[in-house]
Amino acid sequence: MTETLPQPRTAEAEPAQPDASGAGLLVFAPVRFEARAVRRGLREPSSRVRRTGIGAARAARAALPLAGGDPGTPGEISRLAGDDPRTRGKAGEESNTAPFRVMIVMGTAAGVDPGLKPGDLVVATEVSDGSDTVALPGADLLAAELRRAGLRARAGKLATVPHLVKSSQRAKLAAQGYLAADMETAALLGAVGGGRPRAVIRAVSDSGFGPGMVIGGVAALRSLRLAAPVAERWAAACAQRTVLLAGPRSFCAGVERAIEIVERALELRGAPVYVRKQIVHNTRVVCDLEQRGAVFVDELDEVPDGATVVFSAHGVSPAVRGAASGRGLSVIDATCPLVSKVHAEARRFAREGYTVALIGHAGHEEVEGTLGEAPQSTVLVQTGADVAALRPADESKVAYLMQTTLAVDEAADVSAALRERFPQMRAPGSDDICYATTNRQAAVRSVAEDADLVLVAGSKNSSNSVRLVERSERAGTPAHLIDGACDIELSWLSGVSVVGLTAGASAPPAVVDEIISALSGLGAVTVTERVTTTESVQFGLPREVRR
């Protein structure tokens, strides 16, 4: 399936233009001292600064020569565009006719959100003049890059107003969700149109809650200068791209079941509902459930007597179950059925007198739970060296099990070493590595073969997500694990035309959509979905949360 991602809805209706129409970055700055601050921070010879003058009318007229509108008289253009004869021809000063590839608006602004301080940067997610609204996807990505550069930056709504913001207006704009206000940006975006990548960085000079305009202005100009190199990194990352979307991706049946169990427990029993460990290994999911009333704890001694506690999808040991029963806790078990299968196999092999070699990663919650099923009979093996060091009581009675979220080829190497050393070794009745892990690894391998870069949506403690990164890297394609678009570093994207995109089994589908939207802020994106298999597995809910 191939589709072109729709452009963000904007106030303009101009047809899209190629994003390689010019030679570099053009920065619009309203007045001389703002333009000078930005220019001092620029490093690339192709970057240019154009002064617009103060106010919407001057800004729009300064942009008209670039938008194909009525340019006015040469003298008028010079005055409005800031082409000062004293600085004409100097590096960083934009001529009236020079083409450009991407544009960014930089200057000072009045902060209206009480949390902003002079010198803070606002990256606009949308800009409105009260009549028209222009959306700017990718603002969160740019704001995060500014923060990585050591600057205070937030992404949010920017208002363009006809005059300086009065004190009485700040609260009204803040109540409408705006972070800051200026007098030019909406007019500039409207005049230039949406055919090329665009962004807005405004530095707060007056927040209304601290230092005055002079001190605040100095802080704002410093921030603009320091932000200029980041603006150039953003420009270097701008390009038309293809996104190869791996399928299947995101939530598996076990994760969907675990999340639904917590949601239903909150609905049926009310908050708080306690969850031992993270219900699944994803920060976005955990934060969302916390906002609904779930309380995540590391151990049961943090749970009040008689409260409801949910065991995570990774499973727990019999010792934990016994402790919960002894405390009189109301337990709802969200253990993935495929993990429960491994637990049952561990108990069965142990009863039959086997030494169980558990292939997995030390410290992972699933591994700890499985080891706890038969601690006297189970040994964790992670490498071939662990296999060589294994000393079972009876070499003819060795069996192996696997953590469900391992990389298929990694697990195969260790199991092969076990089989070579113990030819009579018993295997599980069916594959322990879950279908979702296997499917996602096959899918990411497929997109990695044709991608310049692979992005994997997932949290750092998600084993199956980490394995997807490793699988891509083994295919020779650089890969990065990200919780969301904010984790994308602009340097990764420079020179990249094809991005492979997938998500671990515990990552929400919405994260993938957000990443695509952020990439669209850097240029037109064509999305191609490459499906290697279709999943139809579903797991039932425990009786405690059935309606």
Protein backbone atom coordinates (compact mmCIF):
# COMPACT_ATOMS: atom_id res chain seq x y z
CA MET A 1 0.00 0.00 0.00
CA THR A 2 1.47 3.36 -1.02
CA GLU A 3 0.08 6.74 -0.13
CA THR A 4 1.27 10.30 0.13
CA LEU A 5 0.80 11.71 3.60
CA PRO A 6 -1.63 14.64 3.43
CA GLN A 7 -0.06 18.02 4.03
CA PRO A 8 -1.06 19.65 7.33
CA ARG A 9 -4.23 21.70 7.07
CA THR A 10 -3.27 25.34 6.66
CA ALA A 11 -4.86 28.64 5.86
CA GLU A 12 -3.30 28.62 2.38
CA ALA A 13 -4.42 26.75 -0.70
CA GLU A 14 -1.29 27.06 -2.84
CA PRO A 15 -0.09 23.94 -4.67
CA ALA A 16 2.97 22.27 -3.19
CA GLN A 17 6.33 23.27 -4.61
CA PRO A 18 9.51 21.19 -4.66
CA ASP A 19 11.38 21.44 -1.38
CA ALA A 20 14.69 21.72 -3.24
CA SER A 21 13.81 25.00 -4.91
CA GLY A 22 16.75 26.92 -3.54
CA ALA A 23 20.18 26.82 -2.04
CA GLY A 24 19.66 26.95 1.71
CA LEU A 25 17.97 28.35 4.78
CA LEU A 26 16.22 31.71 4.81
CA VAL A 27 15.53 33.20 8.23
CA PHE A 28 12.91 35.93 8.60
CA ALA A 29 13.60 38.29 11.51
CA PRO A 30 11.53 41.44 12.15
CA VAL A 31 14.13 44.04 13.15
CA ARG A 32 17.84 44.69 12.89
CA PHE A 33 18.95 43.60 16.38
CA GLU A 34 17.04 40.30 16.05
CA ALA A 35 18.50 39.69 12.58
CA ARG A 36 21.98 40.51 13.86
CA ALA A 37 21.66 38.06 16.76
CA VAL A 38 20.58 35.26 14.44
CA ARG A 39 23.24 36.09 11.86
CA ARG A 40 25.97 35.90 14.51
CA GLY A 41 24.96 32.33 15.27
CA LEU A 42 24.75 31.05 11.70
CA ARG A 43 27.60 28.91 10.40
CA GLU A 44 26.63 27.83 6.88
CA PRO A 45 27.48 30.09 3.90
CA SER A 46 24.11 29.30 2.25
CA SER A 47 22.10 30.52 5.26
CA ARG A 48 20.53 33.96 4.86
CA VAL A 49 18.64 36.42 7.06
CA ARG A 50 15.90 38.75 5.80
CA ARG A 51 14.55 41.56 7.95
CA THR A 52 10.83 42.09 7.58
CA GLY A 53 10.01 45.14 9.63
CA ILE A 54 7.53 45.21 12.48
CA GLY A 55 3.91 44.19 12.02
CA ALA A 56 1.88 41.99 9.72
CA ALA A 57 1.65 44.41 6.79
CA ARG A 58 5.39 44.97 6.53
CA ALA A 59 6.10 41.26 7.01
CA ALA A 60 3.69 40.22 4.26
CA ARG A 61 5.04 42.79 1.83
CA ALA A 62 8.64 41.75 2.57
CA ALA A 63 7.72 38.17 1.69
CA LEU A 64 5.82 39.02 -1.53
CA PRO A 65 8.87 38.86 -3.84
CA LEU A 66 9.46 35.31 -2.62
CA ALA A 67 5.83 34.31 -3.03
CA GLY A 68 5.40 35.63 -6.55
CA GLY A 69 3.21 38.55 -5.51
CA ASP A 70 3.41 42.23 -6.42
CA PRO A 71 6.96 43.22 -5.47
CA GLY A 72 6.26 46.94 -5.26
CA THR A 73 8.95 49.48 -6.09
CA PRO A 74 12.63 48.62 -5.68
CA GLY A 75 13.04 51.19 -2.93
CA GLU A 76 10.02 49.90 -1.10
CA ILE A 77 11.28 46.34 -1.25
CA SER A 78 14.67 47.42 0.06
CA ARG A 79 13.08 49.21 2.98
CA LEU A 80 10.63 46.46 3.88
CA ALA A 81 12.98 43.54 3.31
CA GLY A 82 15.79 45.17 5.21
CA ASP A 83 18.28 45.17 2.34
CA ASP A 84 20.38 47.93 3.88
CA PRO A 85 22.94 49.35 1.40
CA ARG A 86 25.46 49.49 4.22
CA THR A 87 25.33 45.72 4.66
CA ARG A 88 24.40 44.58 1.13
CA GLY A 89 26.64 41.75 -0.02
CA LYS A 90 27.84 40.76 3.42
CA ALA A 91 27.61 37.10 4.45
CA GLY A 92 24.24 36.26 5.88
CA GLU A 93 22.32 39.16 4.31
CA GLU A 94 19.63 37.86 1.94
CA SER A 95 19.23 39.49 -1.46
CA ASN A 96 15.72 40.13 -2.73
CA THR A 97 15.83 37.51 -5.45
CA ALA A 98 17.97 34.70 -3.99
CA PRO A 99 16.12 31.37 -3.91
CA PHE A 100 15.84 29.35 -0.76
CA ARG A 101 14.98 25.76 0.12
CA VAL A 102 13.50 26.11 3.63
CA MET A 103 12.36 29.01 5.79
CA ILE A 104 12.24 29.70 9.47
CA VAL A 105 10.88 32.69 11.37
CA MET A 106 13.05 33.80 14.29
CA GLY A 107 12.65 36.78 16.56
CA THR A 108 11.43 37.87 19.96
CA ALA A 109 7.93 37.46 21.35
CA ALA A 110 5.82 38.27 24.37
CA GLY A 111 5.36 35.28 26.63
CA VAL A 112 1.79 34.77 27.77
CA ASP A 113 2.12 31.41 29.51
CA PRO A 114 3.07 31.99 33.18
CA GLY A 115 5.64 29.20 33.00
CA LEU A 116 7.82 31.04 30.48
CA LYS A 117 10.82 33.17 31.40
CA PRO A 118 12.80 35.71 29.35
CA GLY A 119 15.16 33.84 27.07
CA ASP A 120 12.90 30.79 26.77
CA LEU A 121 12.27 29.63 23.22
CA VAL A 122 8.84 28.84 21.79
CA VAL A 123 8.69 26.56 18.75
CA ALA A 124 5.30 27.00 17.13
CA THR A 125 3.12 23.94 16.60
CA GLU A 126 0.56 26.25 15.01
CA VAL A 127 0.23 29.96 14.37
CA SER A 128 -3.04 31.87 14.37
CA ASP A 129 -3.98 35.48 13.81
CA GLY A 130 -7.50 34.84 15.10
CA SER A 131 -8.83 34.22 11.62
CA ASP A 132 -6.53 31.71 9.94
CA THR A 133 -4.45 28.97 11.54
CA VAL A 134 -1.33 27.39 10.08
CA ALA A 135 -0.18 24.04 11.49
CA LEU A 136 3.55 23.30 11.66
CA PRO A 137 4.20 19.59 12.13
CA GLY A 138 7.58 18.65 13.53
CA ALA A 139 7.72 21.44 16.10
CA ASP A 140 8.21 18.97 18.94
CA LEU A 141 11.20 17.49 17.10
CA LEU A 142 12.81 20.93 16.69
CA ALA A 143 12.08 21.93 20.30
CA ALA A 144 13.73 18.74 21.54
CA GLU A 145 16.82 19.47 19.42
CA LEU A 146 17.03 22.94 21.00
CA ARG A 147 16.82 21.38 24.46
CA ARG A 148 19.62 18.97 23.56
CA ALA A 149 21.67 22.08 22.70
CA GLY A 150 21.18 23.28 26.29
CA LEU A 151 18.41 25.81 25.59
CA ARG A 152 15.06 26.11 27.32
CA ALA A 153 12.50 25.38 24.61
CA ARG A 154 8.82 24.44 24.47
CA ALA A 155 6.59 23.56 21.56
CA GLY A 156 3.13 25.10 21.48
CA LYS A 157 0.68 27.56 19.97
CA LEU A 158 1.77 31.03 18.88
CA ALA A 159 -0.61 33.96 18.39
CA THR A 160 0.01 36.78 15.92
CA VAL A 161 -1.61 39.98 17.19
CA PRO A 162 -1.94 43.46 15.63
CA HIS A 163 -0.16 45.36 18.41
CA LEU A 164 2.03 44.88 21.46
CA VAL A 165 0.42 42.57 23.98
CA LYS A 166 -1.11 44.37 26.91
CA SER A 167 -1.18 42.90 30.38
CA SER A 168 -4.94 42.36 30.19
CA GLN A 169 -4.52 40.23 27.06
CA ARG A 170 -1.95 37.80 28.45
CA ALA A 171 -4.37 35.83 30.61
CA LYS A 172 -6.91 35.65 27.78
CA LEU A 173 -4.36 34.28 25.30
CA ALA A 174 -2.97 31.87 27.88
CA ALA A 175 -6.49 30.55 28.56
CA GLN A 176 -6.79 29.82 24.84
CA GLY A 177 -3.67 27.65 25.02
CA TYR A 178 -1.13 30.07 23.53
CA LEU A 179 2.43 30.18 24.82
CA ALA A 180 3.50 33.46 23.24
CA ALA A 181 2.47 36.22 20.87
CA ASP A 182 4.18 38.18 18.09
CA MET A 183 3.13 40.58 15.34
CA GLU A 184 4.52 39.07 12.10
CA THR A 185 4.57 35.26 11.87
CA ALA A 186 1.05 34.57 10.60
CA ALA A 187 1.49 37.12 7.82
CA LEU A 188 4.85 35.63 6.78
CA LEU A 189 3.51 32.08 6.68
CA GLY A 190 0.48 33.23 4.76
CA ALA A 191 2.53 35.13 2.19
CA VAL A 192 5.20 32.49 1.53
CA GLY A 193 2.82 29.53 1.51
CA GLY A 194 3.19 25.90 2.40
CA GLY A 195 5.21 24.50 -0.49
CA ARG A 196 8.48 24.20 1.46
CA PRO A 197 9.44 23.21 5.01
CA ARG A 198 8.72 25.99 7.51
CA ALA A 199 9.34 26.48 11.20
CA VAL A 200 9.06 29.21 13.82
CA ILE A 201 11.35 29.89 16.79
CA ARG A 202 10.49 32.86 18.98
CA ALA A 203 12.50 33.92 22.04
CA VAL A 204 10.58 35.36 24.97
CA SER A 205 11.72 38.91 25.71
CA ASP A 206 8.89 39.91 28.03
CA SER A 207 6.93 37.37 30.05
CA GLY A 208 5.06 39.92 32.14
CA PHE A 209 6.16 38.08 35.29
CA GLY A 210 9.83 38.99 35.71
CA PRO A 211 12.57 41.25 34.32
CA GLY A 212 11.54 44.10 32.08
CA MET A 213 11.95 44.46 28.35
CA VAL A 214 15.61 45.50 28.45
CA ILE A 215 16.93 42.62 30.56
CA GLY A 216 14.50 40.20 28.96
CA GLY A 217 15.49 41.39 25.51
CA VAL A 218 19.16 40.69 26.16
CA ALA A 219 18.29 37.15 27.26
CA ALA A 220 16.08 36.66 24.20
CA LEU A 221 18.76 37.82 21.76
CA ARG A 222 21.30 35.49 23.34
CA SER A 223 18.89 32.58 22.91
CA LEU A 224 18.29 33.49 19.27
CA ARG A 225 22.03 33.48 18.60
CA LEU A 226 22.48 30.10 20.27
CA ALA A 227 19.44 28.70 18.45
CA ALA A 228 20.75 29.65 15.01
CA PRO A 229 23.04 26.59 14.57
CA VAL A 230 20.12 24.35 15.54
CA ALA A 231 18.02 26.06 12.87
CA GLU A 232 20.72 25.13 10.38
CA ARG A 233 20.68 21.50 11.54
CA TRP A 234 16.93 21.54 11.03
CA ALA A 235 17.41 22.92 7.52
CA ALA A 236 20.00 20.23 6.72
CA ALA A 237 17.51 17.56 7.78
CA CYS A 238 14.74 18.92 5.55
CA ALA A 239 14.06 16.80 2.46
CA GLN A 240 11.40 14.80 0.69
CA ARG A 241 11.39 11.27 2.09
CA THR A 242 9.89 7.84 1.77
CA VAL A 243 8.87 6.05 4.96
CA LEU A 244 8.86 2.24 4.74
CA LEU A 245 6.37 1.21 7.40
CA ALA A 246 6.94 -2.30 8.74
CA GLY A 247 3.95 -4.53 9.27
CA PRO A 248 3.10 -5.94 11.69
CA ARG A 249 4.18 -3.41 14.29
CA SER A 250 3.10 -1.98 17.63
CA PHE A 251 0.79 -3.68 20.15
CA CYS A 252 0.57 -7.48 20.26
CA ALA A 253 -2.35 -9.41 21.71
CA GLY A 254 -0.65 -9.89 25.10
CA VAL A 255 0.05 -6.17 25.48
CA GLU A 256 -3.47 -5.18 24.43
CA ARG A 257 -4.86 -7.66 26.98
CA ALA A 258 -2.67 -6.35 29.81
CA ILE A 259 -3.56 -2.71 29.17
CA GLU A 260 -7.26 -3.52 28.93
CA ILE A 261 -7.06 -5.38 32.25
CA VAL A 262 -5.79 -2.25 34.02
CA GLU A 263 -8.33 -0.05 32.26
CA ARG A 264 -11.21 -2.32 33.25
CA ALA A 265 -9.93 -2.66 36.81
CA LEU A 266 -9.99 1.13 37.12
CA GLU A 267 -13.47 1.24 35.63
CA LEU A 268 -14.90 -1.52 37.81
CA ARG A 269 -13.09 -0.92 41.09
CA GLY A 270 -12.08 2.72 40.88
CA ALA A 271 -8.74 4.36 41.48
CA PRO A 272 -6.25 3.64 42.77
CA VAL A 273 -5.41 0.29 41.23
CA TYR A 274 -1.86 -0.85 42.00
CA VAL A 275 0.34 -2.49 39.37
CA ARG A 276 3.46 -4.43 40.30
CA LYS A 277 6.21 -3.25 37.93
CA GLN A 278 5.32 -1.61 34.62
CA ILE A 279 2.27 -3.28 33.11
CA VAL A 280 4.19 -3.31 29.80
CA HIS A 281 7.57 -1.79 29.06
CA ASN A 282 6.54 1.50 27.51
CA THR A 283 6.75 4.93 29.12
CA ARG A 284 3.84 6.35 27.10
CA VAL A 285 1.49 3.56 28.20
CA VAL A 286 2.57 3.80 31.83
CA CYS A 287 2.12 7.59 31.95
CA ASP A 288 -1.32 7.34 30.38
CA LEU A 289 -2.49 4.76 32.92
CA GLU A 290 -0.99 6.77 35.79
CA GLN A 291 -3.11 9.74 34.72
CA ARG A 292 -6.19 7.51 34.93
CA GLY A 293 -5.39 6.38 38.48
CA ALA A 294 -3.03 3.41 38.19
CA VAL A 295 -0.18 3.36 40.71
CA PHE A 296 2.95 1.49 39.65
CA VAL A 297 5.09 -0.05 42.40
CA ASP A 298 8.28 -2.08 42.40
CA GLU A 299 7.32 -4.45 45.21
CA LEU A 300 4.19 -5.56 47.03
CA ASP A 301 5.19 -3.92 50.32
CA GLU A 302 4.26 -0.61 48.64
CA VAL A 303 0.66 -1.78 48.20
CA PRO A 304 -1.79 -1.10 51.06
CA ASP A 305 -3.43 -4.12 52.71
CA GLY A 306 -6.57 -5.25 50.95
CA ALA A 307 -5.95 -3.16 47.81
CA THR A 308 -6.25 -4.34 44.23
CA VAL A 309 -2.95 -5.23 42.57
CA VAL A 310 -2.35 -6.22 38.95
CA PHE A 311 0.57 -8.45 38.00
CA SER A 312 2.29 -7.18 34.86
CA ALA A 313 2.33 -8.90 31.47
CA HIS A 314 5.84 -10.23 32.18
CA GLY A 315 4.66 -12.59 34.92
CA VAL A 316 5.75 -13.15 38.52
CA SER A 317 7.27 -15.96 40.55
CA PRO A 318 5.28 -18.19 42.92
CA ALA A 319 6.95 -16.34 45.80
CA VAL A 320 5.32 -13.09 44.73
CA ARG A 321 1.93 -14.78 44.37
CA GLY A 322 2.31 -16.23 47.85
CA ALA A 323 3.22 -12.84 49.33
CA ALA A 324 0.13 -11.26 47.74
CA SER A 325 -2.10 -13.98 49.12
CA GLY A 326 -0.58 -13.63 52.57
CA ARG A 327 -1.29 -9.88 52.51
CA GLY A 328 -4.90 -10.39 51.51
CA LEU A 329 -4.44 -8.40 48.32
CA SER A 330 -7.03 -8.64 45.57
CA VAL A 331 -4.94 -9.95 42.65
CA ILE A 332 -5.67 -9.62 38.95
CA ASP A 333 -3.17 -11.47 36.81
CA ALA A 334 -2.25 -9.78 33.51
CA THR A 335 0.57 -12.22 32.68
CA CYS A 336 0.74 -12.81 28.93
CA PRO A 337 -0.58 -16.33 28.17
CA LEU A 338 2.60 -17.03 26.18
CA VAL A 339 4.71 -16.23 29.26
CA SER A 340 2.42 -18.43 31.36
CA LYS A 341 3.16 -21.24 28.90
CA VAL A 342 6.90 -20.92 29.58
CA HIS A 343 6.23 -20.96 33.34
CA ALA A 344 4.21 -24.17 32.98
CA GLU A 345 7.01 -25.79 30.95
CA ALA A 346 9.55 -24.84 33.64
CA ARG A 347 7.44 -26.51 36.31
CA ARG A 348 6.90 -29.63 34.18
CA PHE A 349 10.58 -30.12 33.32
CA ALA A 350 11.57 -29.57 36.97
CA ARG A 351 9.04 -32.19 38.15
CA GLU A 352 10.53 -34.65 35.70
CA GLY A 353 14.02 -34.12 37.11
CA TYR A 354 15.52 -32.00 34.33
CA THR A 355 18.02 -29.19 34.66
CA VAL A 356 16.37 -26.30 32.81
CA ALA A 357 18.61 -23.95 30.82
CA LEU A 358 16.67 -20.71 30.48
CA ILE A 359 17.92 -18.65 27.53
CA GLY A 360 17.30 -15.01 28.35
CA HIS A 361 18.63 -11.74 29.69
CA ALA A 362 19.57 -11.31 33.33
CA GLY A 363 17.40 -8.87 35.27
CA HIS A 364 14.45 -8.91 32.87
CA GLU A 365 11.18 -9.28 34.78
CA GLU A 366 10.00 -12.18 32.63
CA VAL A 367 13.26 -14.05 33.29
CA GLU A 368 13.03 -13.43 37.04
CA GLY A 369 9.49 -14.79 37.11
CA THR A 370 10.41 -17.92 35.14
CA LEU A 371 13.50 -18.59 37.26
CA GLY A 372 11.27 -18.39 40.33
CA GLU A 373 9.07 -21.27 39.16
CA ALA A 374 11.80 -23.84 39.83
CA PRO A 375 14.82 -22.02 41.28
CA GLN A 376 16.66 -25.19 42.28
CA SER A 377 16.43 -26.65 38.79
CA THR A 378 16.72 -23.63 36.48
CA VAL A 379 19.92 -21.93 35.29
CA LEU A 380 20.09 -18.74 33.19
CA VAL A 381 22.26 -19.00 30.08
CA GLN A 382 22.92 -15.90 27.98
CA THR A 383 25.96 -16.83 25.90
CA GLY A 384 27.96 -19.74 24.57
CA ALA A 385 30.33 -19.25 27.51
CA ASP A 386 27.42 -19.82 29.90
CA VAL A 387 26.64 -23.06 28.06
CA ALA A 388 30.24 -24.23 28.43
CA ALA A 389 30.14 -23.49 32.16
CA LEU A 390 26.87 -25.38 32.72
CA ARG A 391 27.27 -28.36 35.10
CA PRO A 392 23.99 -30.33 35.30
CA ALA A 393 23.64 -33.23 37.74
CA ASP A 394 22.73 -35.51 34.84
CA GLU A 395 23.86 -34.50 31.34
CA SER A 396 21.21 -36.75 29.82
CA LYS A 397 18.45 -34.75 31.51
CA VAL A 398 18.81 -31.19 30.26
CA ALA A 399 16.01 -29.10 28.78
CA TYR A 400 15.91 -25.53 27.55
CA LEU A 401 13.36 -22.71 27.55
CA MET A 402 13.51 -19.18 26.16
CA GLN A 403 12.48 -15.68 27.15
CA THR A 404 9.62 -14.82 24.81
CA THR A 405 11.09 -11.52 23.55
CA LEU A 406 14.54 -12.66 22.38
CA ALA A 407 16.01 -12.06 18.95
CA VAL A 408 15.37 -15.22 16.95
CA ASP A 409 18.93 -15.60 15.62
CA GLU A 410 20.48 -14.76 19.01
CA ALA A 411 18.42 -17.46 20.72
CA ALA A 412 19.18 -19.91 17.93
CA ASP A 413 22.92 -19.50 18.48
CA VAL A 414 22.66 -20.30 22.20
CA SER A 415 20.26 -23.21 21.70
CA ALA A 416 22.59 -24.65 19.04
CA ALA A 417 25.47 -24.49 21.53
CA LEU A 418 23.31 -26.29 24.09
CA ARG A 419 22.32 -28.98 21.60
CA GLU A 420 25.92 -29.52 20.57
CA ARG A 421 26.96 -30.06 24.17
CA PHE A 422 23.87 -31.98 25.26
CA PRO A 423 22.65 -34.00 22.25
CA GLN A 424 19.76 -35.50 24.23
CA MET A 425 18.50 -32.11 25.34
CA ARG A 426 14.73 -31.62 25.54
CA ALA A 427 13.11 -28.64 23.81
CA PRO A 428 9.84 -26.88 24.63
CA GLY A 429 6.74 -28.34 23.01
CA SER A 430 6.47 -25.27 20.77
CA ASP A 431 8.54 -22.14 20.18
CA ASP A 432 8.89 -20.01 23.31
CA ILE A 433 9.73 -16.82 21.39
CA CYS A 434 6.31 -15.31 20.87
CA TYR A 435 4.70 -14.92 17.47
CA ALA A 436 4.68 -11.10 17.79
CA THR A 437 8.40 -10.90 18.46
CA THR A 438 9.18 -13.19 15.53
CA ASN A 439 6.83 -11.33 13.18
CA ARG A 440 8.18 -7.89 14.05
CA GLN A 441 11.76 -9.02 13.59
CA ALA A 442 10.97 -10.40 10.14
CA ALA A 443 9.15 -7.18 9.23
CA VAL A 444 11.98 -4.88 10.35
CA ARG A 445 14.49 -6.99 8.44
CA SER A 446 12.40 -6.49 5.30
CA VAL A 447 12.34 -2.68 5.56
CA ALA A 448 15.96 -2.43 6.74
CA GLU A 449 17.14 -3.94 3.46
CA ASP A 450 15.87 -0.89 1.54
CA ALA A 451 16.18 1.89 4.13
CA ASP A 452 18.96 4.37 4.88
CA LEU A 453 17.88 4.55 8.51
CA VAL A 454 15.46 2.60 10.73
CA LEU A 455 13.52 4.16 13.60
CA VAL A 456 12.06 1.80 16.19
CA ALA A 457 9.34 3.19 18.45
CA GLY A 458 9.73 1.68 21.89
CA SER A 459 11.16 2.27 25.35
CA LYS A 460 14.71 1.43 26.41
CA ASN A 461 13.56 -1.27 28.83
CA SER A 462 11.48 -3.02 26.15
CA SER A 463 13.40 -6.17 25.25
CA ASN A 464 11.50 -6.85 22.04
CA SER A 465 12.03 -3.24 20.89
CA VAL A 466 15.76 -3.37 21.57
CA ARG A 467 15.93 -6.60 19.56
CA LEU A 468 14.39 -4.77 16.56
CA VAL A 469 17.20 -2.20 16.66
CA GLU A 470 19.77 -4.98 16.81
CA ARG A 471 18.10 -6.84 13.95
CA SER A 472 18.29 -3.78 11.73
CA GLU A 473 21.92 -3.14 12.61
CA ARG A 474 22.82 -6.75 11.81
CA ALA A 475 21.31 -6.11 8.38
CA GLY A 476 23.76 -3.22 7.99
CA THR A 477 21.26 -0.37 8.45
CA PRO A 478 21.71 2.21 11.25
CA ALA A 479 18.82 2.11 13.71
CA HIS A 480 17.69 4.09 16.74
CA LEU A 481 15.25 3.29 19.55
CA ILE A 482 12.93 6.23 20.29
CA ASP A 483 10.00 6.73 22.64
CA GLY A 484 8.57 9.31 20.25
CA ALA A 485 9.35 12.01 17.71
CA CYS A 486 11.12 14.14 20.33
CA ASP A 487 13.90 11.56 20.52
CA ILE A 488 14.78 11.91 16.82
CA GLU A 489 18.07 13.77 16.44
CA LEU A 490 18.25 15.93 13.34
CA SER A 491 21.76 14.74 12.51
CA TRP A 492 20.39 11.23 11.95
CA LEU A 493 18.27 12.49 9.06
CA SER A 494 20.83 14.48 7.09
CA GLY A 495 21.26 12.74 3.72
CA VAL A 496 18.59 10.15 4.52
CA SER A 497 15.92 9.70 1.85
CA VAL A 498 14.34 6.39 2.95
CA VAL A 499 13.37 5.84 6.60
CA GLY A 500 12.28 2.43 7.85
CA LEU A 501 9.77 2.74 10.68
CA THR A 502 8.44 0.12 13.07
CA ALA A 503 7.27 -0.17 16.68
CA GLY A 504 7.88 -2.73 19.37
CA ALA A 505 5.06 -4.91 20.63
CA SER A 506 4.54 -2.63 23.66
CA ALA A 507 4.53 0.69 21.76
CA PRO A 508 1.17 2.41 21.02
CA PRO A 509 0.16 2.72 17.34
CA ALA A 510 -0.35 6.47 17.83
CA VAL A 511 3.40 6.95 18.31
CA VAL A 512 4.03 5.78 14.74
CA ASP A 513 1.53 8.34 13.43
CA GLU A 514 3.23 11.09 15.45
CA ILE A 515 6.63 10.19 14.04
CA ILE A 516 5.33 10.32 10.47
CA SER A 517 3.70 13.68 11.16
CA ALA A 518 6.96 15.04 12.59
CA LEU A 519 8.90 13.88 9.54
CA SER A 520 6.34 15.60 7.31
CA GLY A 521 7.37 18.89 8.90
CA LEU A 522 10.78 18.39 7.28
CA GLY A 523 9.40 17.85 3.77
CA ALA A 524 6.86 15.82 1.83
CA VAL A 525 6.57 12.23 3.05
CA THR A 526 5.42 9.23 1.02
CA VAL A 527 4.42 6.28 3.21
CA THR A 528 4.71 2.72 1.91
CA GLU A 529 3.54 -0.10 4.17
CA ARG A 530 5.37 -3.40 3.77
CA VAL A 531 3.43 -6.23 5.44
CA THR A 532 5.19 -9.56 5.91
CA THR A 533 2.36 -11.28 7.79
CA THR A 534 -1.06 -10.54 9.27
CA GLU A 535 -1.82 -11.21 12.93
CA SER A 536 -5.21 -12.32 14.23
CA VAL A 537 -4.33 -13.64 17.71
CA GLN A 538 -6.58 -12.60 20.60
CA PHE A 539 -6.46 -13.51 24.29
CA GLY A 540 -9.37 -13.58 26.69
CA LEU A 541 -9.57 -11.51 29.87
CA PRO A 542 -9.42 -12.91 33.42
CA ARG A 543 -12.77 -13.36 35.16
CA GLU A 544 -12.06 -10.50 37.61
CA VAL A 545 -12.52 -7.88 34.88
CA ARG A 546 -15.10 -9.49 32.64
CA ARG A 547 -18.29 -7.52 32.39
